[in-house]
mmCIF file of all heavy atoms, coordinates in Angstrom:
data_MODEL
# 
_entry.id   MODEL 
# 
loop_
_atom_site.group_PDB 
_atom_site.id 
_atom_site.type_symbol 
_atom_site.label_atom_id 
_atom_site.label_alt_id 
_atom_site.label_comp_id 
_atom_site.label_asym_id 
_atom_site.label_entity_id 
_atom_site.label_seq_id 
_atom_site.pdbx_PDB_ins_code 
_atom_site.Cartn_x 
_atom_site.Cartn_y 
_atom_site.Cartn_z 
_atom_site.occupancy 
_atom_site.B_iso_or_equiv 
_atom_site.pdbx_formal_charge 
_atom_site.auth_seq_id 
_atom_site.auth_comp_id 
_atom_site.auth_asym_id 
_atom_site.auth_atom_id 
_atom_site.pdbx_PDB_model_num 
ATOM 1   N N   . ALA A 1 1  ? 22.599 15.661 1.404  1.00 0.00 ? 1  ALA A N   1 
ATOM 2   C CA  . ALA A 1 1  ? 21.461 15.261 0.672  1.00 0.00 ? 1  ALA A CA  1 
ATOM 3   C C   . ALA A 1 1  ? 20.190 15.881 1.407  1.00 0.00 ? 1  ALA A C   1 
ATOM 4   O O   . ALA A 1 1  ? 20.191 15.980 2.584  1.00 0.00 ? 1  ALA A O   1 
ATOM 5   C CB  . ALA A 1 1  ? 21.348 13.791 0.498  1.00 0.00 ? 1  ALA A CB  1 
ATOM 6   N N   . ASN A 1 2  ? 19.156 16.130 0.634  1.00 0.00 ? 2  ASN A N   1 
ATOM 7   C CA  . ASN A 1 2  ? 17.917 16.722 1.175  1.00 0.00 ? 2  ASN A CA  1 
ATOM 8   C C   . ASN A 1 2  ? 16.967 15.644 1.624  1.00 0.00 ? 2  ASN A C   1 
ATOM 9   O O   . ASN A 1 2  ? 16.757 14.620 0.955  1.00 0.00 ? 2  ASN A O   1 
ATOM 10  C CB  . ASN A 1 2  ? 17.242 17.558 0.152  1.00 0.00 ? 2  ASN A CB  1 
ATOM 11  C CG  . ASN A 1 2  ? 18.141 18.729 -0.296 1.00 0.00 ? 2  ASN A CG  1 
ATOM 12  O OD1 . ASN A 1 2  ? 18.718 19.424 0.481  1.00 0.00 ? 2  ASN A OD1 1 
ATOM 13  N ND2 . ASN A 1 2  ? 18.254 18.879 -1.599 1.00 0.00 ? 2  ASN A ND2 1 
ATOM 14  N N   . VAL A 1 3  ? 16.319 15.786 2.818  1.00 0.00 ? 3  VAL A N   1 
ATOM 15  C CA  . VAL A 1 3  ? 15.346 14.913 3.390  1.00 0.00 ? 3  VAL A CA  1 
ATOM 16  C C   . VAL A 1 3  ? 14.249 15.828 3.895  1.00 0.00 ? 3  VAL A C   1 
ATOM 17  O O   . VAL A 1 3  ? 14.432 16.659 4.776  1.00 0.00 ? 3  VAL A O   1 
ATOM 18  C CB  . VAL A 1 3  ? 15.895 14.033 4.499  1.00 0.00 ? 3  VAL A CB  1 
ATOM 19  C CG1 . VAL A 1 3  ? 14.832 13.060 4.989  1.00 0.00 ? 3  VAL A CG1 1 
ATOM 20  C CG2 . VAL A 1 3  ? 17.141 13.287 4.056  1.00 0.00 ? 3  VAL A CG2 1 
ATOM 21  N N   . PHE A 1 4  ? 13.023 15.632 3.277  1.00 0.00 ? 4  PHE A N   1 
ATOM 22  C CA  . PHE A 1 4  ? 11.942 16.542 3.713  1.00 0.00 ? 4  PHE A CA  1 
ATOM 23  C C   . PHE A 1 4  ? 10.654 15.762 3.604  1.00 0.00 ? 4  PHE A C   1 
ATOM 24  O O   . PHE A 1 4  ? 10.520 14.822 2.853  1.00 0.00 ? 4  PHE A O   1 
ATOM 25  C CB  . PHE A 1 4  ? 11.903 17.825 2.886  1.00 0.00 ? 4  PHE A CB  1 
ATOM 26  C CG  . PHE A 1 4  ? 11.704 17.563 1.425  1.00 0.00 ? 4  PHE A CG  1 
ATOM 27  C CD1 . PHE A 1 4  ? 10.376 17.575 0.853  1.00 0.00 ? 4  PHE A CD1 1 
ATOM 28  C CD2 . PHE A 1 4  ? 12.708 17.430 0.557  1.00 0.00 ? 4  PHE A CD2 1 
ATOM 29  C CE1 . PHE A 1 4  ? 10.125 17.316 -0.488 1.00 0.00 ? 4  PHE A CE1 1 
ATOM 30  C CE2 . PHE A 1 4  ? 12.530 17.245 -0.753 1.00 0.00 ? 4  PHE A CE2 1 
ATOM 31  C CZ  . PHE A 1 4  ? 11.218 17.215 -1.298 1.00 0.00 ? 4  PHE A CZ  1 
ATOM 32  N N   . VAL A 1 5  ? 9.662  16.218 4.421  1.00 0.00 ? 5  VAL A N   1 
ATOM 33  C CA  . VAL A 1 5  ? 8.312  15.591 4.407  1.00 0.00 ? 5  VAL A CA  1 
ATOM 34  C C   . VAL A 1 5  ? 7.593  16.148 3.175  1.00 0.00 ? 5  VAL A C   1 
ATOM 35  O O   . VAL A 1 5  ? 7.591  17.384 2.892  1.00 0.00 ? 5  VAL A O   1 
ATOM 36  C CB  . VAL A 1 5  ? 7.548  15.845 5.687  1.00 0.00 ? 5  VAL A CB  1 
ATOM 37  C CG1 . VAL A 1 5  ? 6.230  15.276 5.673  1.00 0.00 ? 5  VAL A CG1 1 
ATOM 38  C CG2 . VAL A 1 5  ? 8.365  15.363 6.866  1.00 0.00 ? 5  VAL A CG2 1 
ATOM 39  N N   . LYS A 1 6  ? 6.979  15.219 2.441  1.00 0.00 ? 6  LYS A N   1 
ATOM 40  C CA  . LYS A 1 6  ? 6.254  15.730 1.182  1.00 0.00 ? 6  LYS A CA  1 
ATOM 41  C C   . LYS A 1 6  ? 5.169  16.723 1.508  1.00 0.00 ? 6  LYS A C   1 
ATOM 42  O O   . LYS A 1 6  ? 4.434  16.584 2.452  1.00 0.00 ? 6  LYS A O   1 
ATOM 43  C CB  . LYS A 1 6  ? 5.662  14.392 0.573  1.00 0.00 ? 6  LYS A CB  1 
ATOM 44  C CG  . LYS A 1 6  ? 5.081  14.657 -0.830 1.00 0.00 ? 6  LYS A CG  1 
ATOM 45  C CD  . LYS A 1 6  ? 4.530  13.417 -1.404 1.00 0.00 ? 6  LYS A CD  1 
ATOM 46  C CE  . LYS A 1 6  ? 3.924  13.690 -2.739 1.00 0.00 ? 6  LYS A CE  1 
ATOM 47  N NZ  . LYS A 1 6  ? 3.384  12.514 -3.422 1.00 0.00 ? 6  LYS A NZ  1 
ATOM 48  N N   . ASN A 1 7  ? 5.152  17.687 0.578  1.00 0.00 ? 7  ASN A N   1 
ATOM 49  C CA  . ASN A 1 7  ? 4.137  18.824 0.651  1.00 0.00 ? 7  ASN A CA  1 
ATOM 50  C C   . ASN A 1 7  ? 4.250  19.704 1.887  1.00 0.00 ? 7  ASN A C   1 
ATOM 51  O O   . ASN A 1 7  ? 3.334  20.353 2.267  1.00 0.00 ? 7  ASN A O   1 
ATOM 52  C CB  . ASN A 1 7  ? 2.712  18.237 0.574  1.00 0.00 ? 7  ASN A CB  1 
ATOM 53  C CG  . ASN A 1 7  ? 2.477  17.493 -0.737 1.00 0.00 ? 7  ASN A CG  1 
ATOM 54  O OD1 . ASN A 1 7  ? 3.110  17.812 -1.816 1.00 0.00 ? 7  ASN A OD1 1 
ATOM 55  N ND2 . ASN A 1 7  ? 1.649  16.480 -0.722 1.00 0.00 ? 7  ASN A ND2 1 
ATOM 56  N N   . THR A 1 8  ? 5.424  19.616 2.564  1.00 0.00 ? 8  THR A N   1 
ATOM 57  C CA  . THR A 1 8  ? 5.661  20.530 3.709  1.00 0.00 ? 8  THR A CA  1 
ATOM 58  C C   . THR A 1 8  ? 7.093  21.110 3.570  1.00 0.00 ? 8  THR A C   1 
ATOM 59  O O   . THR A 1 8  ? 7.827  20.711 2.663  1.00 0.00 ? 8  THR A O   1 
ATOM 60  C CB  . THR A 1 8  ? 5.633  19.700 5.013  1.00 0.00 ? 8  THR A CB  1 
ATOM 61  O OG1 . THR A 1 8  ? 6.644  18.807 5.027  1.00 0.00 ? 8  THR A OG1 1 
ATOM 62  C CG2 . THR A 1 8  ? 4.313  19.013 5.194  1.00 0.00 ? 8  THR A CG2 1 
ATOM 63  N N   . MET A 1 9  ? 7.396  22.024 4.473  1.00 0.00 ? 9  MET A N   1 
ATOM 64  C CA  . MET A 1 9  ? 8.733  22.633 4.457  1.00 0.00 ? 9  MET A CA  1 
ATOM 65  C C   . MET A 1 9  ? 9.569  22.027 5.626  1.00 0.00 ? 9  MET A C   1 
ATOM 66  O O   . MET A 1 9  ? 10.642 22.507 6.025  1.00 0.00 ? 9  MET A O   1 
ATOM 67  C CB  . MET A 1 9  ? 8.576  24.106 4.706  1.00 0.00 ? 9  MET A CB  1 
ATOM 68  C CG  . MET A 1 9  ? 7.879  24.833 3.589  1.00 0.00 ? 9  MET A CG  1 
ATOM 69  S SD  . MET A 1 9  ? 8.642  24.697 2.060  1.00 0.00 ? 9  MET A SD  1 
ATOM 70  C CE  . MET A 1 9  ? 10.143 25.687 2.335  1.00 0.00 ? 9  MET A CE  1 
ATOM 71  N N   . HIS A 1 10 ? 9.132  20.903 6.158  1.00 0.00 ? 10 HIS A N   1 
ATOM 72  C CA  . HIS A 1 10 ? 9.765  20.254 7.290  1.00 0.00 ? 10 HIS A CA  1 
ATOM 73  C C   . HIS A 1 10 ? 10.704 19.211 6.806  1.00 0.00 ? 10 HIS A C   1 
ATOM 74  O O   . HIS A 1 10 ? 10.407 18.380 5.919  1.00 0.00 ? 10 HIS A O   1 
ATOM 75  C CB  . HIS A 1 10 ? 8.731  19.635 8.242  1.00 0.00 ? 10 HIS A CB  1 
ATOM 76  C CG  . HIS A 1 10 ? 9.322  18.984 9.422  1.00 0.00 ? 10 HIS A CG  1 
ATOM 77  N ND1 . HIS A 1 10 ? 10.035 19.738 10.369 1.00 0.00 ? 10 HIS A ND1 1 
ATOM 78  C CD2 . HIS A 1 10 ? 9.322  17.722 9.877  1.00 0.00 ? 10 HIS A CD2 1 
ATOM 79  C CE1 . HIS A 1 10 ? 10.405 18.860 11.362 1.00 0.00 ? 10 HIS A CE1 1 
ATOM 80  N NE2 . HIS A 1 10 ? 9.977  17.661 11.092 1.00 0.00 ? 10 HIS A NE2 1 
ATOM 81  N N   . GLY A 1 11 ? 11.949 19.241 7.334  1.00 0.00 ? 11 GLY A N   1 
ATOM 82  C CA  . GLY A 1 11 ? 12.918 18.323 6.909  1.00 0.00 ? 11 GLY A CA  1 
ATOM 83  C C   . GLY A 1 11 ? 14.295 18.643 7.323  1.00 0.00 ? 11 GLY A C   1 
ATOM 84  O O   . GLY A 1 11 ? 14.486 19.490 8.252  1.00 0.00 ? 11 GLY A O   1 
ATOM 85  N N   . THR A 1 12 ? 15.389 18.078 6.785  1.00 0.00 ? 12 THR A N   1 
ATOM 86  C CA  . THR A 1 12 ? 16.725 18.331 7.136  1.00 0.00 ? 12 THR A CA  1 
ATOM 87  C C   . THR A 1 12 ? 17.660 17.894 6.017  1.00 0.00 ? 12 THR A C   1 
ATOM 88  O O   . THR A 1 12 ? 17.117 17.526 4.904  1.00 0.00 ? 12 THR A O   1 
ATOM 89  C CB  . THR A 1 12 ? 17.101 17.513 8.442  1.00 0.00 ? 12 THR A CB  1 
ATOM 90  O OG1 . THR A 1 12 ? 18.414 17.855 8.807  1.00 0.00 ? 12 THR A OG1 1 
ATOM 91  C CG2 . THR A 1 12 ? 17.045 16.014 8.151  1.00 0.00 ? 12 THR A CG2 1 
ATOM 92  N N   . ILE A 1 13 ? 18.940 17.997 6.209  1.00 0.00 ? 13 ILE A N   1 
ATOM 93  C CA  . ILE A 1 13 ? 19.890 17.541 5.231  1.00 0.00 ? 13 ILE A CA  1 
ATOM 94  C C   . ILE A 1 13 ? 20.951 16.681 5.907  1.00 0.00 ? 13 ILE A C   1 
ATOM 95  O O   . ILE A 1 13 ? 21.145 16.766 7.153  1.00 0.00 ? 13 ILE A O   1 
ATOM 96  C CB  . ILE A 1 13 ? 20.715 18.709 4.605  1.00 0.00 ? 13 ILE A CB  1 
ATOM 97  C CG1 . ILE A 1 13 ? 21.409 19.545 5.679  1.00 0.00 ? 13 ILE A CG1 1 
ATOM 98  C CG2 . ILE A 1 13 ? 19.740 19.634 3.806  1.00 0.00 ? 13 ILE A CG2 1 
ATOM 99  C CD1 . ILE A 1 13 ? 22.244 20.625 5.052  1.00 0.00 ? 13 ILE A CD1 1 
ATOM 100 N N   . SER A 1 14 ? 21.458 15.782 5.130  1.00 0.00 ? 14 SER A N   1 
ATOM 101 C CA  . SER A 1 14 ? 22.458 14.889 5.768  1.00 0.00 ? 14 SER A CA  1 
ATOM 102 C C   . SER A 1 14 ? 23.833 15.525 5.941  1.00 0.00 ? 14 SER A C   1 
ATOM 103 O O   . SER A 1 14 ? 24.177 16.544 5.310  1.00 0.00 ? 14 SER A O   1 
ATOM 104 C CB  . SER A 1 14 ? 22.682 13.589 4.858  1.00 0.00 ? 14 SER A CB  1 
ATOM 105 O OG  . SER A 1 14 ? 23.184 13.981 3.608  1.00 0.00 ? 14 SER A OG  1 
ATOM 106 N N   . ASP A 1 15 ? 24.661 14.956 6.883  1.00 0.00 ? 15 ASP A N   1 
ATOM 107 C CA  . ASP A 1 15 ? 25.923 15.593 7.134  1.00 0.00 ? 15 ASP A CA  1 
ATOM 108 C C   . ASP A 1 15 ? 26.954 15.068 6.223  1.00 0.00 ? 15 ASP A C   1 
ATOM 109 O O   . ASP A 1 15 ? 26.599 14.354 5.231  1.00 0.00 ? 15 ASP A O   1 
ATOM 110 C CB  . ASP A 1 15 ? 26.401 15.429 8.574  1.00 0.00 ? 15 ASP A CB  1 
ATOM 111 C CG  . ASP A 1 15 ? 26.503 13.918 8.928  1.00 0.00 ? 15 ASP A CG  1 
ATOM 112 O OD1 . ASP A 1 15 ? 26.351 13.068 7.958  1.00 0.00 ? 15 ASP A OD1 1 
ATOM 113 O OD2 . ASP A 1 15 ? 26.669 13.546 10.115 1.00 0.00 ? 15 ASP A OD2 1 
ATOM 114 N N   . TYR A 1 16 ? 28.282 15.281 6.444  1.00 0.00 ? 16 TYR A N   1 
ATOM 115 C CA  . TYR A 1 16 ? 29.349 14.849 5.566  1.00 0.00 ? 16 TYR A CA  1 
ATOM 116 C C   . TYR A 1 16 ? 29.337 13.336 5.431  1.00 0.00 ? 16 TYR A C   1 
ATOM 117 O O   . TYR A 1 16 ? 29.769 12.809 4.383  1.00 0.00 ? 16 TYR A O   1 
ATOM 118 C CB  . TYR A 1 16 ? 30.686 15.345 6.096  1.00 0.00 ? 16 TYR A CB  1 
ATOM 119 C CG  . TYR A 1 16 ? 31.858 14.982 5.170  1.00 0.00 ? 16 TYR A CG  1 
ATOM 120 C CD1 . TYR A 1 16 ? 32.111 15.669 4.032  1.00 0.00 ? 16 TYR A CD1 1 
ATOM 121 C CD2 . TYR A 1 16 ? 32.664 13.959 5.551  1.00 0.00 ? 16 TYR A CD2 1 
ATOM 122 C CE1 . TYR A 1 16 ? 33.145 15.320 3.250  1.00 0.00 ? 16 TYR A CE1 1 
ATOM 123 C CE2 . TYR A 1 16 ? 33.753 13.579 4.782  1.00 0.00 ? 16 TYR A CE2 1 
ATOM 124 C CZ  . TYR A 1 16 ? 34.005 14.278 3.569  1.00 0.00 ? 16 TYR A CZ  1 
ATOM 125 O OH  . TYR A 1 16 ? 35.086 13.975 2.819  1.00 0.00 ? 16 TYR A OH  1 
ATOM 126 N N   . PHE A 1 17 ? 28.898 12.594 6.441  1.00 0.00 ? 17 PHE A N   1 
ATOM 127 C CA  . PHE A 1 17 ? 28.937 11.173 6.363  1.00 0.00 ? 17 PHE A CA  1 
ATOM 128 C C   . PHE A 1 17 ? 27.577 10.551 5.973  1.00 0.00 ? 17 PHE A C   1 
ATOM 129 O O   . PHE A 1 17 ? 27.357 9.310  6.045  1.00 0.00 ? 17 PHE A O   1 
ATOM 130 C CB  . PHE A 1 17 ? 29.341 10.594 7.807  1.00 0.00 ? 17 PHE A CB  1 
ATOM 131 C CG  . PHE A 1 17 ? 30.675 11.079 8.235  1.00 0.00 ? 17 PHE A CG  1 
ATOM 132 C CD1 . PHE A 1 17 ? 30.772 12.115 9.149  1.00 0.00 ? 17 PHE A CD1 1 
ATOM 133 C CD2 . PHE A 1 17 ? 31.869 10.466 7.691  1.00 0.00 ? 17 PHE A CD2 1 
ATOM 134 C CE1 . PHE A 1 17 ? 32.009 12.562 9.558  1.00 0.00 ? 17 PHE A CE1 1 
ATOM 135 C CE2 . PHE A 1 17 ? 33.062 10.958 8.183  1.00 0.00 ? 17 PHE A CE2 1 
ATOM 136 C CZ  . PHE A 1 17 ? 33.169 12.008 9.089  1.00 0.00 ? 17 PHE A CZ  1 
ATOM 137 N N   . GLY A 1 18 ? 26.693 11.411 5.433  1.00 0.00 ? 18 GLY A N   1 
ATOM 138 C CA  . GLY A 1 18 ? 25.388 10.867 4.988  1.00 0.00 ? 18 GLY A CA  1 
ATOM 139 C C   . GLY A 1 18 ? 24.314 10.678 6.077  1.00 0.00 ? 18 GLY A C   1 
ATOM 140 O O   . GLY A 1 18 ? 23.262 10.157 5.807  1.00 0.00 ? 18 GLY A O   1 
ATOM 141 N N   . TYR A 1 19 ? 24.613 11.016 7.323  1.00 0.00 ? 19 TYR A N   1 
ATOM 142 C CA  . TYR A 1 19 ? 23.749 10.774 8.452  1.00 0.00 ? 19 TYR A CA  1 
ATOM 143 C C   . TYR A 1 19 ? 22.802 11.981 8.606  1.00 0.00 ? 19 TYR A C   1 
ATOM 144 O O   . TYR A 1 19 ? 23.142 13.095 8.369  1.00 0.00 ? 19 TYR A O   1 
ATOM 145 C CB  . TYR A 1 19 ? 24.553 10.611 9.720  1.00 0.00 ? 19 TYR A CB  1 
ATOM 146 C CG  . TYR A 1 19 ? 23.753 10.402 10.940 1.00 0.00 ? 19 TYR A CG  1 
ATOM 147 C CD1 . TYR A 1 19 ? 23.115 9.264  11.263 1.00 0.00 ? 19 TYR A CD1 1 
ATOM 148 C CD2 . TYR A 1 19 ? 23.584 11.522 11.825 1.00 0.00 ? 19 TYR A CD2 1 
ATOM 149 C CE1 . TYR A 1 19 ? 22.317 9.130  12.419 1.00 0.00 ? 19 TYR A CE1 1 
ATOM 150 C CE2 . TYR A 1 19 ? 22.745 11.421 12.921 1.00 0.00 ? 19 TYR A CE2 1 
ATOM 151 C CZ  . TYR A 1 19 ? 22.100 10.175 13.251 1.00 0.00 ? 19 TYR A CZ  1 
ATOM 152 O OH  . TYR A 1 19 ? 21.302 10.081 14.333 1.00 0.00 ? 19 TYR A OH  1 
ATOM 153 N N   . PHE A 1 20 ? 21.549 11.620 8.987  1.00 0.00 ? 20 PHE A N   1 
ATOM 154 C CA  . PHE A 1 20 ? 20.551 12.661 9.239  1.00 0.00 ? 20 PHE A CA  1 
ATOM 155 C C   . PHE A 1 20 ? 19.667 12.146 10.389 1.00 0.00 ? 20 PHE A C   1 
ATOM 156 O O   . PHE A 1 20 ? 19.598 11.009 10.741 1.00 0.00 ? 20 PHE A O   1 
ATOM 157 C CB  . PHE A 1 20 ? 19.650 12.924 7.968  1.00 0.00 ? 20 PHE A CB  1 
ATOM 158 C CG  . PHE A 1 20 ? 18.786 11.709 7.650  1.00 0.00 ? 20 PHE A CG  1 
ATOM 159 C CD1 . PHE A 1 20 ? 17.502 11.587 8.085  1.00 0.00 ? 20 PHE A CD1 1 
ATOM 160 C CD2 . PHE A 1 20 ? 19.259 10.772 6.795  1.00 0.00 ? 20 PHE A CD2 1 
ATOM 161 C CE1 . PHE A 1 20 ? 16.727 10.512 7.819  1.00 0.00 ? 20 PHE A CE1 1 
ATOM 162 C CE2 . PHE A 1 20 ? 18.474 9.601  6.417  1.00 0.00 ? 20 PHE A CE2 1 
ATOM 163 C CZ  . PHE A 1 20 ? 17.206 9.478  6.927  1.00 0.00 ? 20 PHE A CZ  1 
ATOM 164 N N   . SER A 1 21 ? 18.934 13.054 11.031 1.00 0.00 ? 21 SER A N   1 
ATOM 165 C CA  . SER A 1 21 ? 18.104 12.805 12.095 1.00 0.00 ? 21 SER A CA  1 
ATOM 166 C C   . SER A 1 21 ? 17.146 14.017 12.372 1.00 0.00 ? 21 SER A C   1 
ATOM 167 O O   . SER A 1 21 ? 17.656 15.094 12.478 1.00 0.00 ? 21 SER A O   1 
ATOM 168 C CB  . SER A 1 21 ? 18.778 12.471 13.376 1.00 0.00 ? 21 SER A CB  1 
ATOM 169 O OG  . SER A 1 21 ? 17.934 12.112 14.418 1.00 0.00 ? 21 SER A OG  1 
ATOM 170 N N   . PHE A 1 22 ? 15.866 13.775 12.415 1.00 0.00 ? 22 PHE A N   1 
ATOM 171 C CA  . PHE A 1 22 ? 14.916 14.829 12.726 1.00 0.00 ? 22 PHE A CA  1 
ATOM 172 C C   . PHE A 1 22 ? 13.617 14.210 13.191 1.00 0.00 ? 22 PHE A C   1 
ATOM 173 O O   . PHE A 1 22 ? 13.354 12.986 13.199 1.00 0.00 ? 22 PHE A O   1 
ATOM 174 C CB  . PHE A 1 22 ? 14.631 15.784 11.530 1.00 0.00 ? 22 PHE A CB  1 
ATOM 175 C CG  . PHE A 1 22 ? 13.874 15.031 10.435 1.00 0.00 ? 22 PHE A CG  1 
ATOM 176 C CD1 . PHE A 1 22 ? 12.521 15.383 10.207 1.00 0.00 ? 22 PHE A CD1 1 
ATOM 177 C CD2 . PHE A 1 22 ? 14.448 14.069 9.628  1.00 0.00 ? 22 PHE A CD2 1 
ATOM 178 C CE1 . PHE A 1 22 ? 11.847 14.754 9.208  1.00 0.00 ? 22 PHE A CE1 1 
ATOM 179 C CE2 . PHE A 1 22 ? 13.813 13.469 8.634  1.00 0.00 ? 22 PHE A CE2 1 
ATOM 180 C CZ  . PHE A 1 22 ? 12.415 13.826 8.421  1.00 0.00 ? 22 PHE A CZ  1 
ATOM 181 N N   . VAL A 1 23 ? 12.701 15.027 13.698 1.00 0.00 ? 23 VAL A N   1 
ATOM 182 C CA  . VAL A 1 23 ? 11.388 14.599 14.278 1.00 0.00 ? 23 VAL A CA  1 
ATOM 183 C C   . VAL A 1 23 ? 10.455 14.558 13.216 1.00 0.00 ? 23 VAL A C   1 
ATOM 184 O O   . VAL A 1 23 ? 10.207 15.462 12.485 1.00 0.00 ? 23 VAL A O   1 
ATOM 185 C CB  . VAL A 1 23 ? 10.927 15.470 15.433 1.00 0.00 ? 23 VAL A CB  1 
ATOM 186 C CG1 . VAL A 1 23 ? 9.618  15.057 15.961 1.00 0.00 ? 23 VAL A CG1 1 
ATOM 187 C CG2 . VAL A 1 23 ? 12.019 15.550 16.463 1.00 0.00 ? 23 VAL A CG2 1 
ATOM 188 N N   . ALA A 1 24 ? 9.705  13.422 13.023 1.00 0.00 ? 24 ALA A N   1 
ATOM 189 C CA  . ALA A 1 24 ? 8.705  13.238 11.969 1.00 0.00 ? 24 ALA A CA  1 
ATOM 190 C C   . ALA A 1 24 ? 7.447  12.571 12.714 1.00 0.00 ? 24 ALA A C   1 
ATOM 191 O O   . ALA A 1 24 ? 7.462  12.285 13.879 1.00 0.00 ? 24 ALA A O   1 
ATOM 192 C CB  . ALA A 1 24 ? 9.173  12.386 10.858 1.00 0.00 ? 24 ALA A CB  1 
# 
């Protein structure tokens, strides 16, 4: 799944188990 900061190109995607992690 897609996870990104609104109005920016910064974000990440979740892995096979739905987990995600990034700096915000």
